[in-house]
Amino acid sequence: MAWNTAAMQQVIDRESADGFPAEHLAHIAPVAFRHINMHGKLHFPIERYVGVPAPWRREA
């Protein structure tokens, strides 16, 4: 969310003073994007990697 906030601010700062109407800016938020994981839950398909050797493990 911090990255989205900074990126959105850079776009707004780049535009002229009247580049975006205030009524439009009042309705945008950095949390309005689906790619942000708000639940803190990650899904890794472990079954896809069963039997694949880990590169950091060395066979003795």
PDB file of N, CA and C in Angstrom:
ATOM      1  N   MET A   1       0.821  -1.180   0.000  1.00  0.00           N
ATOM      2  CA  MET A   1       0.000   0.000   0.000  1.00  0.00           C
ATOM      3  C   MET A   1       0.873   1.254   0.000  1.00  0.00           C
ATOM      4  N   ALA A   2       2.010   1.185   0.664  1.00  0.00           N
ATOM      5  CA  ALA A   2       2.910   2.343   0.679  1.00  0.00           C
ATOM      6  C   ALA A   2       3.425   2.630  -0.726  1.00  0.00           C
ATOM      7  N   TRP A   3       3.738   1.554  -1.471  1.00  0.00           N
ATOM      8  CA  TRP A   3       4.225   1.760  -2.839  1.00  0.00           C
ATOM      9  C   TRP A   3       3.143   2.414  -3.679  1.00  0.00           C
ATOM     10  N   ASN A   4       1.905   1.938  -3.566  1.00  0.00           N
ATOM     11  CA  ASN A   4       0.806   2.529  -4.336  1.00  0.00           C
ATOM     12  C   ASN A   4       0.624   4.000  -3.996  1.00  0.00           C
ATOM     13  N   THR A   5       0.705   4.323  -2.718  1.00  0.00           N
ATOM     14  CA  THR A   5       0.545   5.709  -2.291  1.00  0.00           C
ATOM     15  C   THR A   5       1.625   6.586  -2.902  1.00  0.00           C
ATOM     16  N   ALA A   6       2.871   6.131  -2.844  1.00  0.00           N
ATOM     17  CA  ALA A   6       3.978   6.910  -3.399  1.00  0.00           C
ATOM     18  C   ALA A   6       3.852   7.044  -4.912  1.00  0.00           C
ATOM     19  N   ALA A   7       3.480   5.966  -5.590  1.00  0.00           N
ATOM     20  CA  ALA A   7       3.342   6.011  -7.051  1.00  0.00           C
ATOM     21  C   ALA A   7       2.208   6.943  -7.464  1.00  0.00           C
ATOM     22  N   MET A   8       1.096   6.875  -6.751  1.00  0.00           N
ATOM     23  CA  MET A   8      -0.021   7.765  -7.074  1.00  0.00           C
ATOM     24  C   MET A   8       0.357   9.220  -6.836  1.00  0.00           C
ATOM     25  N   GLN A   9       1.079   9.495  -5.759  1.00  0.00           N
ATOM     26  CA  GLN A   9       1.490  10.860  -5.460  1.00  0.00           C
ATOM     27  C   GLN A   9       2.432  11.392  -6.524  1.00  0.00           C
ATOM     28  N   GLN A  10       3.329  10.552  -7.027  1.00  0.00           N
ATOM     29  CA  GLN A  10       4.250  10.988  -8.087  1.00  0.00           C
ATOM     30  C   GLN A  10       3.491  11.390  -9.337  1.00  0.00           C
ATOM     31  N   VAL A  11       2.477  10.642  -9.691  1.00  0.00           N
ATOM     32  CA  VAL A  11       1.664  10.974 -10.869  1.00  0.00           C
ATOM     33  C   VAL A  11       0.946  12.294 -10.660  1.00  0.00           C
ATOM     34  N   ILE A  12       0.373  12.469  -9.484  1.00  0.00           N
ATOM     35  CA  ILE A  12      -0.348  13.713  -9.187  1.00  0.00           C
ATOM     36  C   ILE A  12       0.613  14.898  -9.199  1.00  0.00           C
ATOM     37  N   ASP A  13       1.816  14.714  -8.618  1.00  0.00           N
ATOM     38  CA  ASP A  13       2.803  15.797  -8.575  1.00  0.00           C
ATOM     39  C   ASP A  13       3.315  16.154  -9.970  1.00  0.00           C
ATOM     40  N   ARG A  14       3.404  15.174 -10.858  1.00  0.00           N
ATOM     41  CA  ARG A  14       3.893  15.408 -12.224  1.00  0.00           C
ATOM     42  C   ARG A  14       2.928  16.248 -13.044  1.00  0.00           C
ATOM     43  N   GLU A  15       1.662  16.097 -12.778  1.00  0.00           N
ATOM     44  CA  GLU A  15       0.649  16.822 -13.539  1.00  0.00           C
ATOM     45  C   GLU A  15       0.599  18.282 -13.091  1.00  0.00           C
ATOM     46  N   SER A  16       0.028  19.093 -13.927  1.00  0.00           N
ATOM     47  CA  SER A  16      -0.104  20.505 -13.571  1.00  0.00           C
ATOM     48  C   SER A  16      -1.082  20.654 -12.403  1.00  0.00           C
ATOM     49  N   ALA A  17      -1.155  21.833 -11.858  1.00  0.00           N
ATOM     50  CA  ALA A  17      -2.004  22.099 -10.687  1.00  0.00           C
ATOM     51  C   ALA A  17      -3.455  21.716 -10.960  1.00  0.00           C
ATOM     52  N   ASP A  18      -3.909  21.918 -12.183  1.00  0.00           N
ATOM     53  CA  ASP A  18      -5.300  21.574 -12.504  1.00  0.00           C
ATOM     54  C   ASP A  18      -5.381  20.316 -13.381  1.00  0.00           C
ATOM     55  N   GLY A  19      -4.382  19.447 -13.284  1.00  0.00           N
ATOM     56  CA  GLY A  19      -4.362  18.220 -14.083  1.00  0.00           C
ATOM     57  C   GLY A  19      -5.442  17.234 -13.693  1.00  0.00           C
ATOM     58  N   PHE A  20      -5.759  17.162 -12.423  1.00  0.00           N
ATOM     59  CA  PHE A  20      -6.801  16.268 -11.937  1.00  0.00           C
ATOM     60  C   PHE A  20      -7.784  17.089 -11.124  1.00  0.00           C
ATOM     61  N   PRO A  21      -9.049  17.010 -11.446  1.00  0.00           N
ATOM     62  CA  PRO A  21     -10.043  17.755 -10.659  1.00  0.00           C
ATOM     63  C   PRO A  21     -10.073  17.255  -9.214  1.00  0.00           C
ATOM     64  N   ALA A  22     -10.230  18.164  -8.275  1.00  0.00           N
ATOM     65  CA  ALA A  22     -10.256  17.816  -6.851  1.00  0.00           C
ATOM     66  C   ALA A  22     -11.348  16.803  -6.542  1.00  0.00           C
ATOM     67  N   GLU A  23     -12.471  16.886  -7.249  1.00  0.00           N
ATOM     68  CA  GLU A  23     -13.560  15.932  -6.979  1.00  0.00           C
ATOM     69  C   GLU A  23     -13.186  14.513  -7.404  1.00  0.00           C
ATOM     70  N   HIS A  24     -12.275  14.370  -8.361  1.00  0.00           N
ATOM     71  CA  HIS A  24     -11.791  13.042  -8.738  1.00  0.00           C
ATOM     72  C   HIS A  24     -10.781  12.534  -7.709  1.00  0.00           C
ATOM     73  N   LEU A  25      -9.885  13.401  -7.290  1.00  0.00           N
ATOM     74  CA  LEU A  25      -8.865  13.001  -6.318  1.00  0.00           C
ATOM     75  C   LEU A  25      -9.484  12.587  -4.990  1.00  0.00           C
ATOM     76  N   ALA A  26     -10.623  13.168  -4.662  1.00  0.00           N
ATOM     77  CA  ALA A  26     -11.275  12.841  -3.397  1.00  0.00           C
ATOM     78  C   ALA A  26     -11.808  11.414  -3.374  1.00  0.00           C
ATOM     79  N   HIS A  27     -11.909  10.773  -4.542  1.00  0.00           N
ATOM     80  CA  HIS A  27     -12.506   9.439  -4.613  1.00  0.00           C
ATOM     81  C   HIS A  27     -11.516   8.329  -4.951  1.00  0.00           C
ATOM     82  N   ILE A  28     -10.237   8.630  -4.942  1.00  0.00           N
ATOM     83  CA  ILE A  28      -9.257   7.570  -5.202  1.00  0.00           C
ATOM     84  C   ILE A  28      -8.540   7.219  -3.905  1.00  0.00           C
ATOM     85  N   ALA A  29      -8.089   5.996  -3.838  1.00  0.00           N
ATOM     86  CA  ALA A  29      -7.371   5.534  -2.643  1.00  0.00           C
ATOM     87  C   ALA A  29      -6.370   4.463  -3.061  1.00  0.00           C
ATOM     88  N   PRO A  30      -5.242   4.391  -2.383  1.00  0.00           N
ATOM     89  CA  PRO A  30      -4.237   3.392  -2.745  1.00  0.00           C
ATOM     90  C   PRO A  30      -4.669   1.968  -2.422  1.00  0.00           C
ATOM     91  N   VAL A  31      -5.748   1.789  -1.677  1.00  0.00           N
ATOM     92  CA  VAL A  31      -6.206   0.448  -1.325  1.00  0.00           C
ATOM     93  C   VAL A  31      -7.246  -0.085  -2.299  1.00  0.00           C
ATOM     94  N   ALA A  32      -7.520   0.632  -3.345  1.00  0.00           N
ATOM     95  CA  ALA A  32      -8.561   0.232  -4.283  1.00  0.00           C
ATOM     96  C   ALA A  32      -8.044  -0.689  -5.381  1.00  0.00           C
ATOM     97  N   PHE A  33      -7.022  -1.441  -5.103  1.00  0.00           N
ATOM     98  CA  PHE A  33      -6.440  -2.303  -6.121  1.00  0.00           C
ATOM     99  C   PHE A  33      -6.460  -3.750  -5.659  1.00  0.00           C
ATOM    100  N   ARG A  34      -6.811  -4.651  -6.550  1.00  0.00           N
ATOM    101  CA  ARG A  34      -6.971  -6.059  -6.213  1.00  0.00           C
ATOM    102  C   ARG A  34      -5.652  -6.766  -5.935  1.00  0.00           C
ATOM    103  N   HIS A  35      -4.533  -6.240  -6.406  1.00  0.00           N
ATOM    104  CA  HIS A  35      -3.264  -6.948  -6.244  1.00  0.00           C
ATOM    105  C   HIS A  35      -2.679  -6.829  -4.840  1.00  0.00           C
ATOM    106  N   ILE A  36      -3.311  -6.068  -3.972  1.00  0.00           N
ATOM    107  CA  ILE A  36      -2.824  -5.928  -2.598  1.00  0.00           C
ATOM    108  C   ILE A  36      -3.470  -7.011  -1.738  1.00  0.00           C
ATOM    109  N   ASN A  37      -2.661  -7.763  -1.031  1.00  0.00           N
ATOM    110  CA  ASN A  37      -3.140  -8.817  -0.146  1.00  0.00           C
ATOM    111  C   ASN A  37      -3.417  -8.207   1.227  1.00  0.00           C
ATOM    112  N   MET A  38      -4.673  -7.968   1.519  1.00  0.00           N
ATOM    113  CA  MET A  38      -5.053  -7.316   2.777  1.00  0.00           C
ATOM    114  C   MET A  38      -5.159  -8.284   3.946  1.00  0.00           C
ATOM    115  N   HIS A  39      -5.191  -9.578   3.658  1.00  0.00           N
ATOM    116  CA  HIS A  39      -5.409 -10.563   4.713  1.00  0.00           C
ATOM    117  C   HIS A  39      -4.109 -11.138   5.269  1.00  0.00           C
ATOM    118  N   GLY A  40      -3.004 -10.908   4.587  1.00  0.00           N
ATOM    119  CA  GLY A  40      -1.739 -11.444   5.050  1.00  0.00           C
ATOM    120  C   GLY A  40      -1.603 -12.934   4.834  1.00  0.00           C
ATOM    121  N   LYS A  41      -2.504 -13.513   4.061  1.00  0.00           N
ATOM    122  CA  LYS A  41      -2.453 -14.944   3.779  1.00  0.00           C
ATOM    123  C   LYS A  41      -1.838 -15.141   2.396  1.00  0.00           C
ATOM    124  N   LEU A  42      -0.881 -16.033   2.328  1.00  0.00           N
ATOM    125  CA  LEU A  42      -0.235 -16.348   1.062  1.00  0.00           C
ATOM    126  C   LEU A  42      -0.516 -17.794   0.709  1.00  0.00           C
ATOM    127  N   HIS A  43      -0.697 -18.070  -0.560  1.00  0.00           N
ATOM    128  CA  HIS A  43      -0.953 -19.425  -1.017  1.00  0.00           C
ATOM    129  C   HIS A  43       0.210 -19.891  -1.880  1.00  0.00           C
ATOM    130  N   PHE A  44       0.821 -20.976  -1.458  1.00  0.00           N
ATOM    131  CA  PHE A  44       1.893 -21.576  -2.229  1.00  0.00           C
ATOM    132  C   PHE A  44       1.466 -22.997  -2.579  1.00  0.00           C
ATOM    133  N   PRO A  45       1.404 -23.336  -3.849  1.00  0.00           N
ATOM    134  CA  PRO A  45       0.997 -24.692  -4.237  1.00  0.00           C
ATOM    135  C   PRO A  45       2.116 -25.693  -3.963  1.00  0.00           C
ATOM    136  N   ILE A  46       2.230 -26.137  -2.719  1.00  0.00           N
ATOM    137  CA  ILE A  46       3.300 -27.021  -2.281  1.00  0.00           C
ATOM    138  C   ILE A  46       3.346 -28.293  -3.119  1.00  0.00           C
ATOM    139  N   GLU A  47       2.184 -28.824  -3.471  1.00  0.00           N
ATOM    140  CA  GLU A  47       2.144 -30.075  -4.224  1.00  0.00           C
ATOM    141  C   GLU A  47       2.900 -29.980  -5.550  1.00  0.00           C
ATOM    142  N   ARG A  48       3.037 -28.796  -6.077  1.00  0.00           N
ATOM    143  CA  ARG A  48       3.772 -28.603  -7.327  1.00  0.00           C
ATOM    144  C   ARG A  48       5.276 -28.834  -7.142  1.00  0.00           C
ATOM    145  N   TYR A  49       5.760 -28.697  -5.934  1.00  0.00           N
ATOM    146  CA  TYR A  49       7.194 -28.759  -5.690  1.00  0.00           C
ATOM    147  C   TYR A  49       7.647 -29.994  -4.917  1.00  0.00           C
ATOM    148  N   VAL A  50       6.747 -30.935  -4.690  1.00  0.00           N
ATOM    149  CA  VAL A  50       7.122 -32.164  -3.995  1.00  0.00           C
ATOM    150  C   VAL A  50       8.133 -32.919  -4.862  1.00  0.00           C
ATOM    151  N   GLY A  51       9.240 -33.286  -4.268  1.00  0.00           N
ATOM    152  CA  GLY A  51      10.264 -34.038  -4.982  1.00  0.00           C
ATOM    153  C   GLY A  51      11.281 -33.178  -5.710  1.00  0.00           C
ATOM    154  N   VAL A  52      11.084 -31.886  -5.751  1.00  0.00           N
ATOM    155  CA  VAL A  52      12.041 -30.986  -6.403  1.00  0.00           C
ATOM    156  C   VAL A  52      13.136 -30.669  -5.398  1.00  0.00           C
ATOM    157  N   PRO A  53      14.397 -30.912  -5.752  1.00  0.00           N
ATOM    158  CA  PRO A  53      15.469 -30.636  -4.783  1.00  0.00           C
ATOM    159  C   PRO A  53      15.612 -29.139  -4.506  1.00  0.00           C
ATOM    160  N   ALA A  54      15.808 -28.815  -3.245  1.00  0.00           N
ATOM    161  CA  ALA A  54      15.999 -27.423  -2.850  1.00  0.00           C
ATOM    162  C   ALA A  54      17.418 -27.006  -3.223  1.00  0.00           C
ATOM    163  N   PRO A  55      17.601 -25.884  -3.905  1.00  0.00           N
ATOM    164  CA  PRO A  55      18.945 -25.481  -4.350  1.00  0.00           C
ATOM    165  C   PRO A  55      19.898 -25.148  -3.208  1.00  0.00           C
ATOM    166  N   TRP A  56      19.380 -24.838  -2.021  1.00  0.00           N
ATOM    167  CA  TRP A  56      20.259 -24.490  -0.908  1.00  0.00           C
ATOM    168  C   TRP A  56      20.696 -25.729  -0.106  1.00  0.00           C
ATOM    169  N   ARG A  57      20.124 -26.887  -0.399  1.00  0.00           N
ATOM    170  CA  ARG A  57      20.541 -28.112   0.274  1.00  0.00           C
ATOM    171  C   ARG A  57      21.553 -28.844  -0.581  1.00  0.00           C
ATOM    172  N   ARG A  58      22.591 -29.288   0.038  1.00  0.00           N
ATOM    173  CA  ARG A  58      23.616 -30.035  -0.685  1.00  0.00           C
ATOM    174  C   ARG A  58      23.538 -31.499  -0.266  1.00  0.00           C
ATOM    175  N   GLU A  59      23.595 -32.348  -1.252  1.00  0.00           N
ATOM    176  CA  GLU A  59      23.609 -33.778  -0.965  1.00  0.00           C
ATOM    177  C   GLU A  59      24.916 -34.141  -0.286  1.00  0.00           C
ATOM    178  N   ALA A  60      24.866 -34.912   0.780  1.00  0.00           N
ATOM    179  CA  ALA A  60      26.074 -35.288   1.517  1.00  0.00           C
ATOM    180  C   ALA A  60      26.777 -36.459   0.843  1.00  0.00           C
TER     181      ALA A  60
END
